[in-house]
Amino acid sequence: MSSLAEKQAMNQAFIESLSNPGQIKYATDAVKEFTRTMVREDGILREYMPALQVSPSDIVSIPGTDKPCVVVDKEPGSPAAVSVPYGTVPIRWYIRGDKYAVMFDRKHTSLFQKDKAELSTYKFDIRQVLFDNAIKDLLYEEDRAFLSGVETALGTVNTNVAWSGVPQWVSIAGGLTRDTWQTALSILPSTPSHLEADTIIMNNVTIREFARWDRVEAGGDLAERLLVEGFGRDIRWDGKKVIVTIKRNLVPDDRVIMLADPRFVGKFLTREDVTLHVEAKLWFIEFMAWEEVGCSIGHTGGLAIADFD
C-alpha cells in the first residue's frame, strides 16, 4: 500500500501532467488501462458476455437506420433425418440461414469539472476519485439496456413466447425452495432449443434465501457452510455460475434471471471501448468517459426469468 506522501506525490504528478498540453494524452492513456480493468470486473453484462472488438471492415449499413451495424449469422435449421425405401431420392432442402443486426450506440457520462487547487489536497489516489463513479455510470447503462432487452424479448410474465410456444418469464408461488428452484431451472430446457442455464443473475438480497435452506433442502453440511461462511465472490450454484448484483432496481428482489451460454444468446460488440477524455482548462480539470458499443439478443431460447412469490 502506498504511503501518504507517495499518494500526494502521485496526485501532484498527475495534475502537473495535465497542465502541459503535450502530456494530456499520456495522462489519459495511463488512466484508460486502469478503467478497463474496472469495466471487466464490475459490469453484469461484461461478466456474462465479454465485449468483442470489431474492425472498420466489419461495419455495414442497413436500410432504415444511419447507425453503424454488424450483421451476425445465426445457425441454420435443418429437417430431421428420415427412413425411405430403396430406389428413392432424398427431398431437396434449400439452405437458408437467418441473420440479425447488432447496432451501435455511443454512451457517455456527464462532463465533470474540478479545480486543480482542490484536487491537490486529497490524500489518496486522485485518479480513482475522479473516474470511479464515471465508469460505474457507464457500466450501469450497459446493464440497464441489456436487462431491459431480456425482458422485452420474453414479453410478459406467464405468457407464451412466440418463438418457443412456452412461457419463459414465469411467476412461481411458494418462495425460493428446493422444489421451486428446480421448477425455475426447467424453464430453459422446456423450449425447443433444450438449453441449460449457464449463468444466473440475482441480487444480493435474493441470494440470502438459499441460506434459509436447512440440511434437508441444501444437502449435508452445505447448510452449515452457507450460514458460517456465506457466499464468496465466485459462486457456483447447482453447477451454474452466479452473478450477484447490488443493482436491485435492475434485478428486483425474488427475481432470478437465467441465461444460456453466451454463444446461444447474442453478441456484445465494441467499436470504441471505454475511453476517458481528460483536459486541463485554466485552473480546472474536465473529464468524461464514453464508449461505442452494441449488444443484440439473437436467440430468445437462451433467456428465462423466474419471479418467486
C-alpha atoms as a PDB file:
ATOM      1  CA  MET A   1       0.000   0.000   0.000  1.00  0.00           C
ATOM      2  CA  SER A   2       1.375   3.419  -0.953  1.00  0.00           C
ATOM      3  CA  SER A   3       2.331   5.827   1.807  1.00  0.00           C
ATOM      4  CA  LEU A   4       0.519   9.144   2.249  1.00  0.00           C
ATOM      5  CA  ALA A   5       3.496  11.020   0.799  1.00  0.00           C
ATOM      6  CA  GLU A   6       3.585   8.729  -2.235  1.00  0.00           C
ATOM      7  CA  LYS A   7      -0.121   9.233  -2.895  1.00  0.00           C
ATOM      8  CA  GLN A   8       0.144  13.002  -2.623  1.00  0.00           C
ATOM      9  CA  ALA A   9       3.146  12.966  -4.961  1.00  0.00           C
ATOM     10  CA  MET A  10       1.194  10.802  -7.413  1.00  0.00           C
ATOM     11  CA  ASN A  11      -1.717  13.233  -7.353  1.00  0.00           C
ATOM     12  CA  GLN A  12       0.562  16.209  -7.878  1.00  0.00           C
ATOM     13  CA  ALA A  13       2.347  14.498 -10.782  1.00  0.00           C
ATOM     14  CA  PHE A  14      -0.999  13.687 -12.340  1.00  0.00           C
ATOM     15  CA  ILE A  15      -2.128  17.323 -12.084  1.00  0.00           C
ATOM     16  CA  GLU A  16       1.169  18.609 -13.493  1.00  0.00           C
ATOM     17  CA  SER A  17       0.914  16.242 -16.461  1.00  0.00           C
ATOM     18  CA  LEU A  18      -2.470  17.757 -17.301  1.00  0.00           C
ATOM     19  CA  SER A  19      -1.025  21.277 -17.118  1.00  0.00           C
ATOM     20  CA  ASN A  20       1.132  20.515 -20.147  1.00  0.00           C
ATOM     21  CA  PRO A  21      -0.980  20.018 -23.294  1.00  0.00           C
ATOM     22  CA  GLY A  22       1.625  17.659 -24.679  1.00  0.00           C
ATOM     23  CA  GLN A  23       1.148  15.343 -21.706  1.00  0.00           C
ATOM     24  CA  ILE A  24      -2.659  15.246 -21.595  1.00  0.00           C
ATOM     25  CA  LYS A  25      -2.797  12.175 -23.807  1.00  0.00           C
ATOM     26  CA  TYR A  26      -0.236  10.464 -21.586  1.00  0.00           C
ATOM     27  CA  ALA A  27      -2.373  11.039 -18.516  1.00  0.00           C
ATOM     28  CA  THR A  28      -5.479   9.863 -20.319  1.00  0.00           C
ATOM     29  CA  ASP A  29      -3.816   6.667 -21.537  1.00  0.00           C
ATOM     30  CA  ALA A  30      -2.457   5.882 -18.088  1.00  0.00           C
ATOM     31  CA  VAL A  31      -5.917   6.028 -16.584  1.00  0.00           C
ATOM     32  CA  LYS A  32      -7.533   4.261 -19.530  1.00  0.00           C
ATOM     33  CA  GLU A  33      -5.882   0.932 -18.735  1.00  0.00           C
ATOM     34  CA  PHE A  34      -6.946   1.247 -15.096  1.00  0.00           C
ATOM     35  CA  THR A  35     -10.570   1.808 -16.040  1.00  0.00           C
ATOM     36  CA  ARG A  36     -10.643  -1.078 -18.489  1.00  0.00           C
ATOM     37  CA  THR A  37      -9.867  -3.436 -15.617  1.00  0.00           C
ATOM     38  CA  MET A  38     -12.738  -1.995 -13.597  1.00  0.00           C
ATOM     39  CA  VAL A  39     -15.136  -2.496 -16.504  1.00  0.00           C
ATOM     40  CA  ARG A  40     -14.299  -6.180 -16.787  1.00  0.00           C
ATOM     41  CA  GLU A  41     -14.788  -6.700 -13.062  1.00  0.00           C
ATOM     42  CA  ASP A  42     -17.895  -4.683 -12.299  1.00  0.00           C
ATOM     43  CA  GLY A  43     -20.380  -4.934 -15.183  1.00  0.00           C
ATOM     44  CA  ILE A  44     -23.089  -7.635 -15.151  1.00  0.00           C
ATOM     45  CA  LEU A  45     -23.193  -7.732 -18.947  1.00  0.00           C
ATOM     46  CA  ARG A  46     -19.419  -7.748 -19.334  1.00  0.00           C
ATOM     47  CA  GLU A  47     -19.016 -10.508 -16.769  1.00  0.00           C
ATOM     48  CA  TYR A  48     -21.558 -12.644 -18.609  1.00  0.00           C
ATOM     49  CA  MET A  49     -20.699 -11.745 -22.219  1.00  0.00           C
ATOM     50  CA  PRO A  50     -17.288 -10.082 -22.663  1.00  0.00           C
ATOM     51  CA  ALA A  51     -17.228  -7.452 -25.406  1.00  0.00           C
ATOM     52  CA  LEU A  52     -15.617  -8.341 -28.746  1.00  0.00           C
ATOM     53  CA  GLN A  53     -13.705  -5.641 -30.606  1.00  0.00           C
ATOM     54  CA  VAL A  54     -14.794  -5.113 -34.207  1.00  0.00           C
ATOM     55  CA  SER A  55     -12.752  -3.631 -37.040  1.00  0.00           C
ATOM     56  CA  PRO A  56     -13.880  -0.958 -39.526  1.00  0.00           C
ATOM     57  CA  SER A  57     -14.250  -3.651 -42.207  1.00  0.00           C
ATOM     58  CA  ASP A  58     -16.934  -5.362 -40.077  1.00  0.00           C
ATOM     59  CA  ILE A  59     -19.204  -2.300 -40.105  1.00  0.00           C
ATOM     60  CA  VAL A  60     -22.053  -2.207 -42.636  1.00  0.00           C
ATOM     61  CA  SER A  61     -25.092  -0.031 -43.266  1.00  0.00           C
ATOM     62  CA  ILE A  62     -28.619  -1.404 -43.416  1.00  0.00           C
ATOM     63  CA  PRO A  63     -31.845   0.212 -44.684  1.00  0.00           C
ATOM     64  CA  GLY A  64     -33.872   2.223 -42.210  1.00  0.00           C
ATOM     65  CA  THR A  65     -31.068   3.458 -39.954  1.00  0.00           C
ATOM     66  CA  ASP A  66     -27.900   5.544 -40.120  1.00  0.00           C
ATOM     67  CA  LYS A  67     -26.368   3.698 -37.195  1.00  0.00           C
ATOM     68  CA  PRO A  68     -23.244   1.626 -37.831  1.00  0.00           C
ATOM     69  CA  CYS A  69     -24.105  -2.069 -37.719  1.00  0.00           C
ATOM     70  CA  VAL A  70     -22.581  -5.527 -37.761  1.00  0.00           C
ATOM     71  CA  VAL A  71     -24.598  -8.373 -39.281  1.00  0.00           C
ATOM     72  CA  VAL A  72     -24.297 -11.672 -37.412  1.00  0.00           C
ATOM     73  CA  ASP A  73     -25.192 -15.070 -38.869  1.00  0.00           C
ATOM     74  CA  LYS A  74     -27.424 -17.489 -36.977  1.00  0.00           C
ATOM     75  CA  GLU A  75     -27.135 -21.255 -37.082  1.00  0.00           C
ATOM     76  CA  PRO A  76     -29.359 -22.560 -39.924  1.00  0.00           C
ATOM     77  CA  GLY A  77     -32.108 -25.044 -39.202  1.00  0.00           C
ATOM     78  CA  SER A  78     -32.361 -28.431 -40.894  1.00  0.00           C
ATOM     79  CA  PRO A  79     -35.100 -31.033 -41.270  1.00  0.00           C
ATOM     80  CA  ALA A  80     -34.988 -34.319 -39.399  1.00  0.00           C
ATOM     81  CA  ALA A  81     -33.488 -37.422 -40.983  1.00  0.00           C
ATOM     82  CA  VAL A  82     -35.985 -39.978 -42.332  1.00  0.00           C
ATOM     83  CA  SER A  83     -36.064 -43.620 -43.375  1.00  0.00           C
ATOM     84  CA  VAL A  84     -37.010 -44.299 -47.013  1.00  0.00           C
ATOM     85  CA  PRO A  85     -37.350 -47.409 -49.180  1.00  0.00           C
ATOM     86  CA  TYR A  86     -34.637 -48.327 -51.668  1.00  0.00           C
ATOM     87  CA  GLY A  87     -34.918 -46.711 -55.057  1.00  0.00           C
ATOM     88  CA  THR A  88     -36.000 -43.302 -53.769  1.00  0.00           C
ATOM     89  CA  VAL A  89     -34.151 -39.989 -53.817  1.00  0.00           C
ATOM     90  CA  PRO A  90     -33.856 -37.544 -50.910  1.00  0.00           C
ATOM     91  CA  ILE A  91     -36.013 -34.443 -50.663  1.00  0.00           C
ATOM     92  CA  ARG A  92     -34.052 -31.370 -51.703  1.00  0.00           C
ATOM     93  CA  TRP A  93     -33.694 -28.812 -48.895  1.00  0.00           C
ATOM     94  CA  TYR A  94     -32.526 -25.343 -49.874  1.00  0.00           C
ATOM     95  CA  ILE A  95     -30.221 -23.897 -47.232  1.00  0.00           C
ATOM     96  CA  ARG A  96     -31.265 -20.595 -45.698  1.00  0.00           C
ATOM     97  CA  GLY A  97     -29.539 -19.024 -42.708  1.00  0.00           C
ATOM     98  CA  ASP A  98     -31.061 -16.279 -40.587  1.00  0.00           C
ATOM     99  CA  LYS A  99     -29.142 -13.136 -39.705  1.00  0.00           C
ATOM    100  CA  TYR A 100     -29.555 -10.345 -37.181  1.00  0.00           C
ATOM    101  CA  ALA A 101     -28.034  -6.902 -36.779  1.00  0.00           C
ATOM    102  CA  VAL A 102     -26.019  -5.503 -33.891  1.00  0.00           C
ATOM    103  CA  MET A 103     -26.433  -1.710 -33.962  1.00  0.00           C
ATOM    104  CA  PHE A 104     -24.031   0.561 -32.120  1.00  0.00           C
ATOM    105  CA  ASP A 105     -24.713   3.482 -29.810  1.00  0.00           C
ATOM    106  CA  ARG A 106     -22.461   5.969 -28.082  1.00  0.00           C
ATOM    107  CA  LYS A 107     -22.764   6.031 -24.303  1.00  0.00           C
ATOM    108  CA  HIS A 108     -21.156   8.762 -22.245  1.00  0.00           C
ATOM    109  CA  THR A 109     -21.118  10.264 -18.790  1.00  0.00           C
ATOM    110  CA  SER A 110     -21.609  13.879 -17.849  1.00  0.00           C
ATOM    111  CA  LEU A 111     -18.719  16.292 -18.255  1.00  0.00           C
ATOM    112  CA  PHE A 112     -17.179  16.683 -14.808  1.00  0.00           C
ATOM    113  CA  GLN A 113     -15.085  19.637 -13.644  1.00  0.00           C
ATOM    114  CA  LYS A 114     -12.836  20.205 -10.634  1.00  0.00           C
ATOM    115  CA  ASP A 115     -10.440  22.933  -9.523  1.00  0.00           C
ATOM    116  CA  LYS A 116      -6.825  21.684  -9.569  1.00  0.00           C
ATOM    117  CA  ALA A 117      -6.046  23.508  -6.317  1.00  0.00           C
ATOM    118  CA  GLU A 118      -8.737  21.477  -4.547  1.00  0.00           C
ATOM    119  CA  LEU A 119      -7.553  18.227  -6.104  1.00  0.00           C
ATOM    120  CA  SER A 120      -4.070  18.700  -4.689  1.00  0.00           C
ATOM    121  CA  THR A 121      -5.457  18.474  -1.143  1.00  0.00           C
ATOM    122  CA  TYR A 122      -6.645  14.866  -1.488  1.00  0.00           C
ATOM    123  CA  LYS A 123      -4.641  12.294   0.440  1.00  0.00           C
ATOM    124  CA  PHE A 124      -5.448   9.274  -1.753  1.00  0.00           C
ATOM    125  CA  ASP A 125      -5.090   8.329  -5.410  1.00  0.00           C
ATOM    126  CA  ILE A 126      -6.917  11.161  -7.153  1.00  0.00           C
ATOM    127  CA  ARG A 127      -7.400   9.158 -10.345  1.00  0.00           C
ATOM    128  CA  GLN A 128      -9.771   6.793  -8.606  1.00  0.00           C
ATOM    129  CA  VAL A 129     -11.633   9.725  -7.065  1.00  0.00           C
ATOM    130  CA  LEU A 130     -12.079  11.286 -10.499  1.00  0.00           C
ATOM    131  CA  PHE A 131     -13.026   8.294 -12.574  1.00  0.00           C
ATOM    132  CA  ASP A 132     -14.575   5.585 -10.397  1.00  0.00           C
ATOM    133  CA  ASN A 133     -18.113   6.988 -10.369  1.00  0.00           C
ATOM    134  CA  ALA A 134     -17.979   7.924 -14.065  1.00  0.00           C
ATOM    135  CA  ILE A 135     -17.073   4.381 -15.099  1.00  0.00           C
ATOM    136  CA  LYS A 136     -19.729   2.870 -12.859  1.00  0.00           C
ATOM    137  CA  ASP A 137     -22.290   5.095 -14.562  1.00  0.00           C
ATOM    138  CA  LEU A 138     -21.306   3.608 -17.931  1.00  0.00           C
ATOM    139  CA  LEU A 139     -21.489   0.078 -16.546  1.00  0.00           C
ATOM    140  CA  TYR A 140     -24.928   0.760 -15.132  1.00  0.00           C
ATOM    141  CA  GLU A 141     -26.208   1.972 -18.503  1.00  0.00           C
ATOM    142  CA  GLU A 142     -24.825  -1.139 -20.248  1.00  0.00           C
ATOM    143  CA  ASP A 143     -26.547  -3.397 -17.720  1.00  0.00           C
ATOM    144  CA  ARG A 144     -29.814  -1.443 -17.861  1.00  0.00           C
ATOM    145  CA  ALA A 145     -30.023  -1.719 -21.642  1.00  0.00           C
ATOM    146  CA  PHE A 146     -29.172  -5.433 -21.670  1.00  0.00           C
ATOM    147  CA  LEU A 147     -31.571  -6.477 -18.899  1.00  0.00           C
ATOM    148  CA  SER A 148     -34.321  -4.349 -20.433  1.00  0.00           C
ATOM    149  CA  GLY A 149     -33.708  -6.192 -23.701  1.00  0.00           C
ATOM    150  CA  VAL A 150     -34.085  -9.548 -21.942  1.00  0.00           C
ATOM    151  CA  GLU A 151     -37.458  -8.503 -20.529  1.00  0.00           C
ATOM    152  CA  THR A 152     -38.612  -7.188 -23.909  1.00  0.00           C
ATOM    153  CA  ALA A 153     -37.608 -10.429 -25.650  1.00  0.00           C
ATOM    154  CA  LEU A 154     -39.601 -12.526 -23.168  1.00  0.00           C
ATOM    155  CA  GLY A 155     -42.762 -10.392 -23.292  1.00  0.00           C
ATOM    156  CA  THR A 156     -44.919 -10.545 -20.170  1.00  0.00           C
ATOM    157  CA  VAL A 157     -44.964 -12.915 -17.218  1.00  0.00           C
ATOM    158  CA  ASN A 158     -46.686 -16.306 -17.681  1.00  0.00           C
ATOM    159  CA  THR A 159     -47.271 -15.648 -21.396  1.00  0.00           C
ATOM    160  CA  ASN A 160     -46.046 -17.905 -24.204  1.00  0.00           C
ATOM    161  CA  VAL A 161     -43.068 -16.574 -26.152  1.00  0.00           C
ATOM    162  CA  ALA A 162     -43.883 -16.584 -29.871  1.00  0.00           C
ATOM    163  CA  TRP A 163     -40.713 -18.413 -30.876  1.00  0.00           C
ATOM    164  CA  SER A 164     -40.815 -21.217 -28.303  1.00  0.00           C
ATOM    165  CA  GLY A 165     -44.546 -21.555 -27.658  1.00  0.00           C
ATOM    166  CA  VAL A 166     -43.966 -21.765 -23.883  1.00  0.00           C
ATOM    167  CA  PRO A 167     -43.659 -19.148 -21.106  1.00  0.00           C
ATOM    168  CA  GLN A 168     -40.056 -18.162 -20.413  1.00  0.00           C
ATOM    169  CA  TRP A 169     -40.864 -15.488 -17.829  1.00  0.00           C
ATOM    170  CA  VAL A 170     -42.652 -17.362 -15.082  1.00  0.00           C
ATOM    171  CA  SER A 171     -44.107 -16.442 -11.695  1.00  0.00           C
ATOM    172  CA  ILE A 172     -43.532 -19.277  -9.220  1.00  0.00           C
ATOM    173  CA  ALA A 173     -45.518 -19.417  -5.968  1.00  0.00           C
ATOM    174  CA  GLY A 174     -44.113 -20.692  -2.682  1.00  0.00           C
ATOM    175  CA  GLY A 175     -40.905 -18.709  -2.365  1.00  0.00           C
ATOM    176  CA  LEU A 176     -37.415 -19.893  -3.233  1.00  0.00           C
ATOM    177  CA  THR A 177     -37.290 -23.511  -2.062  1.00  0.00           C
ATOM    178  CA  ARG A 178     -35.524 -26.555  -3.413  1.00  0.00           C
ATOM    179  CA  ASP A 179     -38.694 -27.566  -5.298  1.00  0.00           C
ATOM    180  CA  THR A 180     -39.402 -24.131  -6.777  1.00  0.00           C
ATOM    181  CA  TRP A 181     -35.718 -23.743  -7.688  1.00  0.00           C
ATOM    182  CA  GLN A 182     -35.888 -26.860  -9.842  1.00  0.00           C
ATOM    183  CA  THR A 183     -39.082 -25.526 -11.419  1.00  0.00           C
ATOM    184  CA  ALA A 184     -37.188 -22.379 -12.397  1.00  0.00           C
ATOM    185  CA  LEU A 185     -34.273 -24.339 -13.848  1.00  0.00           C
ATOM    186  CA  SER A 186     -36.687 -26.338 -16.024  1.00  0.00           C
ATOM    187  CA  ILE A 187     -37.831 -23.228 -17.948  1.00  0.00           C
ATOM    188  CA  LEU A 188     -34.936 -23.129 -20.418  1.00  0.00           C
ATOM    189  CA  PRO A 189     -34.857 -26.886 -21.170  1.00  0.00           C
ATOM    190  CA  SER A 190     -38.595 -26.740 -21.901  1.00  0.00           C
ATOM    191  CA  THR A 191     -38.009 -24.680 -25.061  1.00  0.00           C
ATOM    192  CA  PRO A 192     -37.344 -26.300 -28.476  1.00  0.00           C
ATOM    193  CA  SER A 193     -33.626 -25.489 -28.083  1.00  0.00           C
ATOM    194  CA  HIS A 194     -33.349 -27.603 -24.882  1.00  0.00           C
ATOM    195  CA  LEU A 195     -30.676 -25.292 -23.464  1.00  0.00           C
ATOM    196  CA  GLU A 196     -29.494 -25.329 -19.863  1.00  0.00           C
ATOM    197  CA  ALA A 197     -28.805 -22.237 -17.787  1.00  0.00           C
ATOM    198  CA  ASP A 198     -25.107 -21.320 -17.860  1.00  0.00           C
ATOM    199  CA  THR A 199     -25.263 -18.102 -15.821  1.00  0.00           C
ATOM    200  CA  ILE A 200     -27.733 -16.971 -13.167  1.00  0.00           C
ATOM    201  CA  ILE A 201     -28.205 -13.341 -12.120  1.00  0.00           C
ATOM    202  CA  MET A 202     -29.798 -12.334  -8.821  1.00  0.00           C
ATOM    203  CA  ASN A 203     -29.360  -9.505  -6.363  1.00  0.00           C
ATOM    204  CA  ASN A 204     -27.591  -9.562  -3.014  1.00  0.00           C
ATOM    205  CA  VAL A 205     -30.878  -9.866  -1.106  1.00  0.00           C
ATOM    206  CA  THR A 206     -32.361 -12.752  -3.086  1.00  0.00           C
ATOM    207  CA  ILE A 207     -29.267 -14.924  -2.767  1.00  0.00           C
ATOM    208  CA  ARG A 208     -29.686 -14.931   1.006  1.00  0.00           C
ATOM    209  CA  GLU A 209     -32.805 -17.047   0.523  1.00  0.00           C
ATOM    210  CA  PHE A 210     -30.509 -20.009  -0.104  1.00  0.00           C
ATOM    211  CA  ALA A 211     -29.081 -19.598   3.407  1.00  0.00           C
ATOM    212  CA  ARG A 212     -32.577 -20.380   4.743  1.00  0.00           C
ATOM    213  CA  TRP A 213     -32.380 -23.904   3.356  1.00  0.00           C
ATOM    214  CA  ASP A 214     -31.904 -26.472   6.091  1.00  0.00           C
ATOM    215  CA  ARG A 215     -29.783 -29.616   5.925  1.00  0.00           C
ATOM    216  CA  VAL A 216     -32.575 -31.470   4.150  1.00  0.00           C
ATOM    217  CA  GLU A 217     -33.021 -28.855   1.410  1.00  0.00           C
ATOM    218  CA  ALA A 218     -29.373 -27.844   0.983  1.00  0.00           C
ATOM    219  CA  GLY A 219     -27.985 -31.327   1.482  1.00  0.00           C
ATOM    220  CA  GLY A 220     -25.405 -32.454   4.049  1.00  0.00           C
ATOM    221  CA  ASP A 221     -23.101 -29.816   5.516  1.00  0.00           C
ATOM    222  CA  LEU A 222     -23.850 -27.195   2.854  1.00  0.00           C
ATOM    223  CA  ALA A 223     -26.492 -25.523   5.047  1.00  0.00           C
ATOM    224  CA  GLU A 224     -23.957 -25.040   7.849  1.00  0.00           C
ATOM    225  CA  ARG A 225     -21.270 -23.795   5.451  1.00  0.00           C
ATOM    226  CA  LEU A 226     -23.624 -21.179   3.970  1.00  0.00           C
ATOM    227  CA  LEU A 227     -24.531 -19.937   7.432  1.00  0.00           C
ATOM    228  CA  VAL A 228     -20.925 -19.776   8.673  1.00  0.00           C
ATOM    229  CA  GLU A 229     -19.009 -18.802   5.535  1.00  0.00           C
ATOM    230  CA  GLY A 230     -21.690 -17.081   3.471  1.00  0.00           C
ATOM    231  CA  PHE A 231     -21.373 -16.643  -0.270  1.00  0.00           C
ATOM    232  CA  GLY A 232     -17.990 -15.845  -1.769  1.00  0.00           C
ATOM    233  CA  ARG A 233     -17.257 -13.731  -4.854  1.00  0.00           C
ATOM    234  CA  ASP A 234     -17.034 -16.656  -7.253  1.00  0.00           C
ATOM    235  CA  ILE A 235     -20.259 -18.559  -6.719  1.00  0.00           C
ATOM    236  CA  ARG A 236     -21.453 -21.680  -8.466  1.00  0.00           C
ATOM    237  CA  TRP A 237     -24.867 -22.976  -7.518  1.00  0.00           C
ATOM    238  CA  ASP A 238     -26.312 -26.171  -8.967  1.00  0.00           C
ATOM    239  CA  GLY A 239     -23.436 -26.171 -11.450  1.00  0.00           C
ATOM    240  CA  LYS A 240     -24.260 -22.678 -12.700  1.00  0.00           C
ATOM    241  CA  LYS A 241     -22.213 -19.509 -12.466  1.00  0.00           C
ATOM    242  CA  VAL A 242     -23.977 -16.963 -10.259  1.00  0.00           C
ATOM    243  CA  ILE A 243     -23.564 -13.210 -10.712  1.00  0.00           C
ATOM    244  CA  VAL A 244     -24.703 -11.340  -7.608  1.00  0.00           C
ATOM    245  CA  THR A 245     -25.503  -7.662  -8.101  1.00  0.00           C
ATOM    246  CA  ILE A 246     -26.326  -4.767  -5.807  1.00  0.00           C
ATOM    247  CA  LYS A 247     -28.334  -3.138  -8.639  1.00  0.00           C
ATOM    248  CA  ARG A 248     -31.690  -4.043  -7.131  1.00  0.00           C
ATOM    249  CA  ASN A 249     -33.572  -1.576  -9.321  1.00  0.00           C
ATOM    250  CA  LEU A 250     -32.411  -3.587 -12.361  1.00  0.00           C
ATOM    251  CA  VAL A 251     -32.733  -7.059 -10.801  1.00  0.00           C
ATOM    252  CA  PRO A 252     -35.577  -6.865  -8.241  1.00  0.00           C
ATOM    253  CA  ASP A 253     -35.804  -8.928  -5.076  1.00  0.00           C
ATOM    254  CA  ASP A 254     -37.022 -12.525  -5.565  1.00  0.00           C
ATOM    255  CA  ARG A 255     -36.133 -12.480  -9.264  1.00  0.00           C
ATOM    256  CA  VAL A 256     -33.692 -14.895 -10.886  1.00  0.00           C
ATOM    257  CA  ILE A 257     -32.527 -14.341 -14.471  1.00  0.00           C
ATOM    258  CA  MET A 258     -31.234 -17.463 -16.213  1.00  0.00           C
ATOM    259  CA  LEU A 259     -29.051 -17.229 -19.325  1.00  0.00           C
ATOM    260  CA  ALA A 260     -27.669 -19.963 -21.551  1.00  0.00           C
ATOM    261  CA  ASP A 261     -24.085 -19.998 -22.786  1.00  0.00           C
ATOM    262  CA  PRO A 262     -23.487 -16.595 -24.469  1.00  0.00           C
ATOM    263  CA  ARG A 263     -22.857 -18.348 -27.801  1.00  0.00           C
ATOM    264  CA  PHE A 264     -26.564 -19.269 -27.822  1.00  0.00           C
ATOM    265  CA  VAL A 265     -27.838 -15.804 -26.878  1.00  0.00           C
ATOM    266  CA  GLY A 266     -26.277 -12.983 -28.884  1.00  0.00           C
ATOM    267  CA  LYS A 267     -23.332 -10.659 -29.342  1.00  0.00           C
ATOM    268  CA  PHE A 268     -21.826  -7.791 -27.372  1.00  0.00           C
ATOM    269  CA  LEU A 269     -19.520  -5.779 -29.616  1.00  0.00           C
ATOM    270  CA  THR A 270     -17.465  -2.630 -29.213  1.00  0.00           C
ATOM    271  CA  ARG A 271     -16.229  -0.136 -31.786  1.00  0.00           C
ATOM    272  CA  GLU A 272     -14.505   2.024 -29.178  1.00  0.00           C
ATOM    273  CA  ASP A 273     -14.008   0.604 -25.719  1.00  0.00           C
ATOM    274  CA  VAL A 274     -14.251   2.764 -22.611  1.00  0.00           C
ATOM    275  CA  THR A 275     -12.244   5.915 -23.248  1.00  0.00           C
ATOM    276  CA  LEU A 276     -11.567   8.739 -20.823  1.00  0.00           C
ATOM    277  CA  HIS A 277     -11.189  12.270 -22.091  1.00  0.00           C
ATOM    278  CA  VAL A 278      -9.202  14.454 -19.703  1.00  0.00           C
ATOM    279  CA  GLU A 279      -8.392  18.100 -20.373  1.00  0.00           C
ATOM    280  CA  ALA A 280      -6.944  20.993 -18.401  1.00  0.00           C
ATOM    281  CA  LYS A 281      -8.565  24.399 -18.909  1.00  0.00           C
ATOM    282  CA  LEU A 282      -7.209  27.321 -16.916  1.00  0.00           C
ATOM    283  CA  TRP A 283      -7.197  26.048 -13.311  1.00  0.00           C
ATOM    284  CA  PHE A 284      -9.834  23.383 -13.923  1.00  0.00           C
ATOM    285  CA  ILE A 285      -9.636  19.737 -14.891  1.00  0.00           C
ATOM    286  CA  GLU A 286     -12.506  18.471 -17.064  1.00  0.00           C
ATOM    287  CA  PHE A 287     -13.134  14.822 -17.753  1.00  0.00           C
ATOM    288  CA  MET A 288     -15.724  12.456 -19.127  1.00  0.00           C
ATOM    289  CA  ALA A 289     -15.950   8.793 -20.155  1.00  0.00           C
ATOM    290  CA  TRP A 290     -17.519   7.431 -23.326  1.00  0.00           C
ATOM    291  CA  GLU A 291     -17.746   4.299 -25.437  1.00  0.00           C
ATOM    292  CA  GLU A 292     -19.351   2.960 -28.633  1.00  0.00           C
ATOM    293  CA  VAL A 293     -20.900  -0.466 -28.063  1.00  0.00           C
ATOM    294  CA  GLY A 294     -23.702  -2.616 -29.427  1.00  0.00           C
ATOM    295  CA  CYS A 295     -25.464  -5.621 -27.941  1.00  0.00           C
ATOM    296  CA  SER A 296     -28.211  -7.677 -29.578  1.00  0.00           C
ATOM    297  CA  ILE A 297     -30.098 -10.781 -28.481  1.00  0.00           C
ATOM    298  CA  GLY A 298     -30.210 -13.116 -31.446  1.00  0.00           C
ATOM    299  CA  HIS A 299     -31.925 -16.103 -29.835  1.00  0.00           C
ATOM    300  CA  THR A 300     -34.660 -15.856 -27.191  1.00  0.00           C
ATOM    301  CA  GLY A 301     -34.368 -19.582 -26.473  1.00  0.00           C
ATOM    302  CA  GLY A 302     -31.374 -18.791 -24.240  1.00  0.00           C
ATOM    303  CA  LEU A 303     -33.281 -16.486 -21.855  1.00  0.00           C
ATOM    304  CA  ALA A 304     -35.541 -17.127 -18.870  1.00  0.00           C
ATOM    305  CA  ILE A 305     -36.787 -15.230 -15.825  1.00  0.00           C
ATOM    306  CA  ALA A 306     -38.333 -16.642 -12.641  1.00  0.00           C
ATOM    307  CA  ASP A 307     -40.134 -14.432 -10.121  1.00  0.00           C
ATOM    308  CA  PHE A 308     -40.579 -16.214  -6.785  1.00  0.00           C
ATOM    309  CA  ASP A 309     -43.744 -15.113  -4.986  1.00  0.00           C
END
